[in-house]
PDB file of N, CA and C in Angstrom:
ATOM      1  N   MET A   1      18.179 -28.485  35.260  1.00  0.00           N
ATOM      2  CA  MET A   1      18.541 -29.889  33.768  1.00  0.00           C
ATOM      3  C   MET A   1      17.132 -30.114  33.261  1.00  0.00           C
ATOM      4  N   PRO A   2      16.018 -30.057  33.766  1.00  0.00           N
ATOM      5  CA  PRO A   2      14.979 -30.396  32.746  1.00  0.00           C
ATOM      6  C   PRO A   2      14.082 -28.774  32.211  1.00  0.00           C
ATOM      7  N   ILE A   3      14.869 -27.830  32.714  1.00  0.00           N
ATOM      8  CA  ILE A   3      14.324 -26.614  31.515  1.00  0.00           C
ATOM      9  C   ILE A   3      15.591 -26.624  30.223  1.00  0.00           C
ATOM     10  N   SER A   4      16.882 -27.291  30.696  1.00  0.00           N
ATOM     11  CA  SER A   4      17.830 -27.246  29.058  1.00  0.00           C
ATOM     12  C   SER A   4      16.864 -28.003  28.900  1.00  0.00           C
ATOM     13  N   PHE A   5      16.521 -29.332  28.985  1.00  0.00           N
ATOM     14  CA  PHE A   5      16.038 -30.093  28.145  1.00  0.00           C
ATOM     15  C   PHE A   5      14.358 -29.757  27.064  1.00  0.00           C
ATOM     16  N   ALA A   6      13.731 -28.635  27.925  1.00  0.00           N
ATOM     17  CA  ALA A   6      12.728 -28.680  27.672  1.00  0.00           C
ATOM     18  C   ALA A   6      13.473 -27.193  26.449  1.00  0.00           C
ATOM     19  N   LEU A   7      14.242 -26.910  26.085  1.00  0.00           N
ATOM     20  CA  LEU A   7      14.574 -25.721  25.293  1.00  0.00           C
ATOM     21  C   LEU A   7      15.068 -26.458  24.021  1.00  0.00           C
ATOM     22  N   SER A   8      16.076 -27.501  24.843  1.00  0.00           N
ATOM     23  CA  SER A   8      16.728 -28.463  23.186  1.00  0.00           C
ATOM     24  C   SER A   8      15.764 -28.873  22.803  1.00  0.00           C
ATOM     25  N   ARG A   9      14.452 -29.650  23.589  1.00  0.00           N
ATOM     26  CA  ARG A   9      13.885 -30.358  22.931  1.00  0.00           C
ATOM     27  C   ARG A   9      12.856 -29.515  21.493  1.00  0.00           C
ATOM     28  N   GLN A  10      12.881 -27.962  22.214  1.00  0.00           N
ATOM     29  CA  GLN A  10      11.902 -27.090  21.434  1.00  0.00           C
ATOM     30  C   GLN A  10      12.657 -26.492  20.308  1.00  0.00           C
ATOM     31  N   ASN A  11      13.822 -26.269  20.499  1.00  0.00           N
ATOM     32  CA  ASN A  11      14.758 -25.885  19.083  1.00  0.00           C
ATOM     33  C   ASN A  11      14.964 -27.091  18.159  1.00  0.00           C
ATOM     34  N   LEU A  12      15.097 -28.225  18.326  1.00  0.00           N
ATOM     35  CA  LEU A  12      14.938 -29.363  17.237  1.00  0.00           C
ATOM     36  C   LEU A  12      13.537 -29.544  16.775  1.00  0.00           C
ATOM     37  N   HIS A  13      12.590 -29.359  17.889  1.00  0.00           N
ATOM     38  CA  HIS A  13      11.223 -29.237  17.394  1.00  0.00           C
ATOM     39  C   HIS A  13      11.284 -28.263  15.782  1.00  0.00           C
ATOM     40  N   LEU A  14      11.677 -27.362  16.511  1.00  0.00           N
ATOM     41  CA  LEU A  14      11.922 -25.924  14.932  1.00  0.00           C
ATOM     42  C   LEU A  14      12.770 -26.517  14.179  1.00  0.00           C
ATOM     43  N   ILE A  15      13.847 -27.133  14.598  1.00  0.00           N
ATOM     44  CA  ILE A  15      14.629 -27.346  13.562  1.00  0.00           C
ATOM     45  C   ILE A  15      14.136 -28.176  12.763  1.00  0.00           C
ATOM     46  N   ILE A  16      13.430 -29.224  12.731  1.00  0.00           N
ATOM     47  CA  ILE A  16      12.725 -30.078  11.833  1.00  0.00           C
ATOM     48  C   ILE A  16      11.611 -29.608  11.442  1.00  0.00           C
ATOM     49  N   GLY A  17      10.977 -28.509  12.401  1.00  0.00           N
ATOM     50  CA  GLY A  17      10.025 -28.063  11.173  1.00  0.00           C
ATOM     51  C   GLY A  17      10.277 -27.251   9.896  1.00  0.00           C
ATOM     52  N   HIS A  18      11.404 -26.726  10.212  1.00  0.00           N
ATOM     53  CA  HIS A  18      12.344 -25.875   9.166  1.00  0.00           C
ATOM     54  C   HIS A  18      12.685 -27.064   7.843  1.00  0.00           C
ATOM     55  N   LEU A  19      13.169 -28.187   8.388  1.00  0.00           N
ATOM     56  CA  LEU A  19      13.854 -29.036   7.651  1.00  0.00           C
ATOM     57  C   LEU A  19      12.610 -29.718   6.555  1.00  0.00           C
ATOM     58  N   ASN A  20      11.511 -29.612   7.541  1.00  0.00           N
ATOM     59  CA  ASN A  20      10.329 -30.431   6.121  1.00  0.00           C
ATOM     60  C   ASN A  20       9.682 -29.133   5.838  1.00  0.00           C
ATOM     61  N   PHE A  21      10.112 -27.611   6.179  1.00  0.00           N
ATOM     62  CA  PHE A  21       9.253 -26.786   5.164  1.00  0.00           C
ATOM     63  C   PHE A  21      10.306 -26.298   4.049  1.00  0.00           C
ATOM     64  N   ILE A  22      12.148 -26.564   4.480  1.00  0.00           N
ATOM     65  CA  ILE A  22      12.733 -26.801   2.813  1.00  0.00           C
ATOM     66  C   ILE A  22      12.231 -27.684   2.056  1.00  0.00           C
ATOM     67  N   GLN A  23      11.928 -29.447   2.479  1.00  0.00           N
ATOM     68  CA  GLN A  23      12.127 -30.188   1.355  1.00  0.00           C
ATOM     69  C   GLN A  23      10.196 -29.977   1.078  1.00  0.00           C
ATOM     70  N   GLY A  24       9.906 -29.157   1.313  1.00  0.00           N
ATOM     71  CA  GLY A  24       8.654 -28.685   1.005  1.00  0.00           C
ATOM     72  C   GLY A  24       8.426 -27.568  -0.020  1.00  0.00           C
ATOM     73  N   ALA A  25       9.583 -27.034   0.020  1.00  0.00           N
ATOM     74  CA  ALA A  25       9.701 -26.272  -1.051  1.00  0.00           C
ATOM     75  C   ALA A  25      10.259 -26.665  -2.185  1.00  0.00           C
ATOM     76  N   ALA A  26      11.247 -27.663  -2.080  1.00  0.00           N
ATOM     77  CA  ALA A  26      11.745 -28.303  -3.024  1.00  0.00           C
ATOM     78  C   ALA A  26      10.863 -28.719  -3.971  1.00  0.00           C
ATOM     79  N   LYS A  27       9.144 -29.099  -3.345  1.00  0.00           N
ATOM     80  CA  LYS A  27       8.447 -29.831  -4.286  1.00  0.00           C
ATOM     81  C   LYS A  27       7.139 -29.314  -5.507  1.00  0.00           C
ATOM     82  N   VAL A  28       7.631 -27.762  -5.038  1.00  0.00           N
ATOM     83  CA  VAL A  28       7.045 -26.277  -5.654  1.00  0.00           C
ATOM     84  C   VAL A  28       7.812 -26.404  -6.757  1.00  0.00           C
ATOM     85  N   SER A  29       7.092 -26.869  -8.179  1.00  0.00           N
ATOM     86  CA  SER A  29       7.567 -26.352  -9.825  1.00  0.00           C
ATOM     87  C   SER A  29       7.778 -25.295  -9.829  1.00  0.00           C
ATOM     88  N   ILE A  30       8.622 -24.727 -11.229  1.00  0.00           N
ATOM     89  CA  ILE A  30       8.789 -24.152 -11.421  1.00  0.00           C
ATOM     90  C   ILE A  30       7.963 -23.247 -11.976  1.00  0.00           C
ATOM     91  N   LEU A  31       6.657 -23.908 -12.585  1.00  0.00           N
ATOM     92  CA  LEU A  31       5.814 -23.257 -13.065  1.00  0.00           C
ATOM     93  C   LEU A  31       4.341 -22.881 -12.344  1.00  0.00           C
ATOM     94  N   MET A  32       4.714 -23.758 -10.680  1.00  0.00           N
ATOM     95  CA  MET A  32       3.665 -23.483  -9.974  1.00  0.00           C
ATOM     96  C   MET A  32       4.415 -21.545  -9.610  1.00  0.00           C
ATOM     97  N   ILE A  33       5.473 -21.189  -9.165  1.00  0.00           N
ATOM     98  CA  ILE A  33       6.082 -20.492  -9.324  1.00  0.00           C
ATOM     99  C   ILE A  33       6.102 -18.820  -9.777  1.00  0.00           C
ATOM    100  N   GLY A  34       5.767 -19.530 -11.522  1.00  0.00           N
ATOM    101  CA  GLY A  34       5.330 -18.856 -12.469  1.00  0.00           C
ATOM    102  C   GLY A  34       4.084 -18.125 -12.383  1.00  0.00           C
ATOM    103  N   HIS A  35       2.888 -19.238 -12.366  1.00  0.00           N
ATOM    104  CA  HIS A  35       2.058 -18.929 -12.311  1.00  0.00           C
ATOM    105  C   HIS A  35       1.752 -18.400 -10.805  1.00  0.00           C
ATOM    106  N   GLN A  36       2.116 -18.196  -9.691  1.00  0.00           N
ATOM    107  CA  GLN A  36       2.180 -17.237  -8.451  1.00  0.00           C
ATOM    108  C   GLN A  36       2.650 -15.709  -8.674  1.00  0.00           C
ATOM    109  N   ALA A  37       3.737 -15.870  -9.546  1.00  0.00           N
ATOM    110  CA  ALA A  37       3.832 -14.111  -9.950  1.00  0.00           C
ATOM    111  C   ALA A  37       3.143 -13.774 -10.916  1.00  0.00           C
ATOM    112  N   ILE A  38       2.903 -14.750 -11.356  1.00  0.00           N
ATOM    113  CA  ILE A  38       1.389 -13.651 -12.851  1.00  0.00           C
ATOM    114  C   ILE A  38       0.554 -13.346 -12.022  1.00  0.00           C
ATOM    115  N   MET A  39      -0.245 -14.478 -11.176  1.00  0.00           N
ATOM    116  CA  MET A  39      -1.321 -13.630 -10.680  1.00  0.00           C
ATOM    117  C   MET A  39      -0.722 -12.816  -9.644  1.00  0.00           C
ATOM    118  N   ASP A  40       0.025 -12.545  -9.234  1.00  0.00           N
ATOM    119  CA  ASP A  40       0.311 -11.653  -8.883  1.00  0.00           C
ATOM    120  C   ASP A  40       0.579 -10.296  -8.712  1.00  0.00           C
ATOM    121  N   ALA A  41       0.746 -10.405  -9.979  1.00  0.00           N
ATOM    122  CA  ALA A  41       1.129  -9.246 -11.195  1.00  0.00           C
ATOM    123  C   ALA A  41      -0.393  -8.418 -11.086  1.00  0.00           C
ATOM    124  N   TYR A  42      -1.481  -9.579 -11.840  1.00  0.00           N
ATOM    125  CA  TYR A  42      -2.499  -9.208 -12.361  1.00  0.00           C
ATOM    126  C   TYR A  42      -3.405  -8.918 -10.706  1.00  0.00           C
ATOM    127  N   LEU A  43      -3.273  -8.703  -9.475  1.00  0.00           N
ATOM    128  CA  LEU A  43      -3.888  -8.789  -8.198  1.00  0.00           C
ATOM    129  C   LEU A  43      -3.460  -6.884  -8.302  1.00  0.00           C
ATOM    130  N   CYS A  44      -2.053  -6.759  -8.404  1.00  0.00           N
ATOM    131  CA  CYS A  44      -1.390  -5.775  -8.280  1.00  0.00           C
ATOM    132  C   CYS A  44      -2.033  -4.491  -8.899  1.00  0.00           C
ATOM    133  N   LEU A  45      -2.581  -5.153 -10.645  1.00  0.00           N
ATOM    134  CA  LEU A  45      -2.358  -3.866 -11.158  1.00  0.00           C
ATOM    135  C   LEU A  45      -4.230  -3.871 -10.978  1.00  0.00           C
ATOM    136  N   LEU A  46      -5.041  -5.301 -10.048  1.00  0.00           N
ATOM    137  CA  LEU A  46      -6.059  -4.470  -9.652  1.00  0.00           C
ATOM    138  C   LEU A  46      -6.178  -3.250  -8.438  1.00  0.00           C
ATOM    139  N   HIS A  47      -5.389  -3.498  -7.528  1.00  0.00           N
ATOM    140  CA  HIS A  47      -5.123  -2.626  -6.700  1.00  0.00           C
ATOM    141  C   HIS A  47      -4.900  -1.475  -7.643  1.00  0.00           C
ATOM    142  N   LEU A  48      -4.068  -1.347  -7.965  1.00  0.00           N
ATOM    143  CA  LEU A  48      -3.284   0.099  -8.609  1.00  0.00           C
ATOM    144  C   LEU A  48      -4.920   0.951  -9.730  1.00  0.00           C
ATOM    145  N   THR A  49      -5.754  -0.209 -10.187  1.00  0.00           N
ATOM    146  CA  THR A  49      -6.980   0.862 -10.885  1.00  0.00           C
ATOM    147  C   THR A  49      -7.636   0.664  -9.892  1.00  0.00           C
ATOM    148  N   ALA A  50      -8.040  -0.241  -9.253  1.00  0.00           N
ATOM    149  CA  ALA A  50      -9.196   0.146  -8.331  1.00  0.00           C
ATOM    150  C   ALA A  50      -8.401   1.470  -7.376  1.00  0.00           C
ATOM    151  N   GLY A  51      -7.078   2.022  -7.155  1.00  0.00           N
ATOM    152  CA  GLY A  51      -6.501   3.268  -6.572  1.00  0.00           C
ATOM    153  C   GLY A  51      -7.195   4.382  -7.248  1.00  0.00           C
ATOM    154  N   ILE A  52      -6.694   4.171  -8.691  1.00  0.00           N
ATOM    155  CA  ILE A  52      -7.006   5.194  -9.852  1.00  0.00           C
ATOM    156  C   ILE A  52      -8.437   5.663  -9.509  1.00  0.00           C
ATOM    157  N   LEU A  53      -9.510   4.976  -9.520  1.00  0.00           N
ATOM    158  CA  LEU A  53     -10.849   5.010  -9.634  1.00  0.00           C
ATOM    159  C   LEU A  53     -11.510   5.354  -8.475  1.00  0.00           C
ATOM    160  N   VAL A  54     -10.785   4.751  -7.418  1.00  0.00           N
ATOM    161  CA  VAL A  54     -12.024   5.308  -6.115  1.00  0.00           C
ATOM    162  C   VAL A  54     -10.615   6.969  -5.799  1.00  0.00           C
ATOM    163  N   GLY A  55     -10.105   7.113  -5.877  1.00  0.00           N
ATOM    164  CA  GLY A  55      -8.990   8.281  -5.787  1.00  0.00           C
ATOM    165  C   GLY A  55     -10.390   9.583  -6.438  1.00  0.00           C
ATOM    166  N   GLU A  56     -10.379   9.650  -7.382  1.00  0.00           N
ATOM    167  CA  GLU A  56     -12.087  10.418  -7.816  1.00  0.00           C
ATOM    168  C   GLU A  56     -12.697  10.364  -6.730  1.00  0.00           C
ATOM    169  N   HIS A  57     -13.229   9.569  -6.140  1.00  0.00           N
ATOM    170  CA  HIS A  57     -14.339   9.802  -5.866  1.00  0.00           C
ATOM    171  C   HIS A  57     -14.143  10.045  -4.416  1.00  0.00           C
ATOM    172  N   PHE A  58     -12.901   9.925  -3.908  1.00  0.00           N
ATOM    173  CA  PHE A  58     -12.520  10.290  -2.544  1.00  0.00           C
ATOM    174  C   PHE A  58     -12.351  11.613  -1.996  1.00  0.00           C
ATOM    175  N   ILE A  59     -12.297  12.574  -3.329  1.00  0.00           N
ATOM    176  CA  ILE A  59     -12.255  13.878  -3.086  1.00  0.00           C
ATOM    177  C   ILE A  59     -13.742  14.303  -2.603  1.00  0.00           C
ATOM    178  N   VAL A  60     -14.653  13.610  -3.211  1.00  0.00           N
ATOM    179  CA  VAL A  60     -16.477  13.800  -3.051  1.00  0.00           C
ATOM    180  C   VAL A  60     -16.650  12.798  -1.410  1.00  0.00           C
ATOM    181  N   LEU A  61     -16.184  12.230  -1.124  1.00  0.00           N
ATOM    182  CA  LEU A  61     -16.363  11.409   0.083  1.00  0.00           C
ATOM    183  C   LEU A  61     -15.749  12.667   1.786  1.00  0.00           C
ATOM    184  N   TRP A  62     -14.556  12.868   1.387  1.00  0.00           N
ATOM    185  CA  TRP A  62     -14.158  13.983   1.855  1.00  0.00           C
ATOM    186  C   TRP A  62     -14.482  15.064   2.418  1.00  0.00           C
ATOM    187  N   LEU A  63     -15.398  15.891   0.649  1.00  0.00           N
ATOM    188  CA  LEU A  63     -16.170  16.874   0.848  1.00  0.00           C
ATOM    189  C   LEU A  63     -17.228  17.248   1.762  1.00  0.00           C
ATOM    190  N   ILE A  64     -17.940  15.677   1.150  1.00  0.00           N
ATOM    191  CA  ILE A  64     -19.651  15.429   2.562  1.00  0.00           C
ATOM    192  C   ILE A  64     -18.966  15.064   3.835  1.00  0.00           C
ATOM    193  N   SER A  65     -18.266  14.452   4.324  1.00  0.00           N
ATOM    194  CA  SER A  65     -17.792  14.537   5.444  1.00  0.00           C
ATOM    195  C   SER A  65     -16.874  15.790   6.492  1.00  0.00           C
ATOM    196  N   LEU A  66     -16.356  16.503   5.797  1.00  0.00           N
ATOM    197  CA  LEU A  66     -16.308  17.709   6.256  1.00  0.00           C
ATOM    198  C   LEU A  66     -17.367  19.011   5.914  1.00  0.00           C
ATOM    199  N   VAL A  67     -18.527  18.602   5.201  1.00  0.00           N
ATOM    200  CA  VAL A  67     -19.694  19.607   5.318  1.00  0.00           C
ATOM    201  C   VAL A  67     -20.556  18.778   6.346  1.00  0.00           C
ATOM    202  N   VAL A  68     -20.383  17.343   6.529  1.00  0.00           N
ATOM    203  CA  VAL A  68     -21.182  16.840   7.788  1.00  0.00           C
ATOM    204  C   VAL A  68     -21.025  16.835   9.217  1.00  0.00           C
ATOM    205  N   LYS A  69     -19.113  17.315   9.685  1.00  0.00           N
ATOM    206  CA  LYS A  69     -18.623  17.770  10.581  1.00  0.00           C
ATOM    207  C   LYS A  69     -19.073  19.271  10.563  1.00  0.00           C
ATOM    208  N   LYS A  70     -18.912  20.120   9.965  1.00  0.00           N
ATOM    209  CA  LYS A  70     -19.563  21.325  10.241  1.00  0.00           C
ATOM    210  C   LYS A  70     -20.856  21.244  10.584  1.00  0.00           C
ATOM    211  N   GLN A  71     -22.108  20.762  10.201  1.00  0.00           N
ATOM    212  CA  GLN A  71     -22.928  20.834  10.171  1.00  0.00           C
ATOM    213  C   GLN A  71     -23.198  20.352  12.039  1.00  0.00           C
ATOM    214  N   GLN A  72     -22.603  19.323  11.918  1.00  0.00           N
ATOM    215  CA  GLN A  72     -22.328  18.341  13.542  1.00  0.00           C
ATOM    216  C   GLN A  72     -21.952  19.805  14.835  1.00  0.00           C
ATOM    217  N   ALA A  73     -21.186  20.471  14.093  1.00  0.00           N
ATOM    218  CA  ALA A  73     -20.050  21.793  14.883  1.00  0.00           C
ATOM    219  C   ALA A  73     -21.420  22.980  15.081  1.00  0.00           C
ATOM    220  N   CYS A  74     -22.274  22.710  14.184  1.00  0.00           N
ATOM    221  CA  CYS A  74     -23.453  24.235  14.299  1.00  0.00           C
ATOM    222  C   CYS A  74     -23.678  23.784  15.286  1.00  0.00           C
TER     223      CYS A  74
END
């Protein structure tokens, strides 16, 4: 009996937590969602640009590590 009470109490706690999340999510404005989407897009562009710029340097770093490995093997 105590185990089922503890489990039902935890389930109730999870349900209440989920309802609080839904009520909090309902208070978020459309402007805030749009702002978050724009910031997300800028962050994505930043990562893509950094990947392009670092991609050229990656080959150089790879060659340096290859040379160092060969020197350590000898």
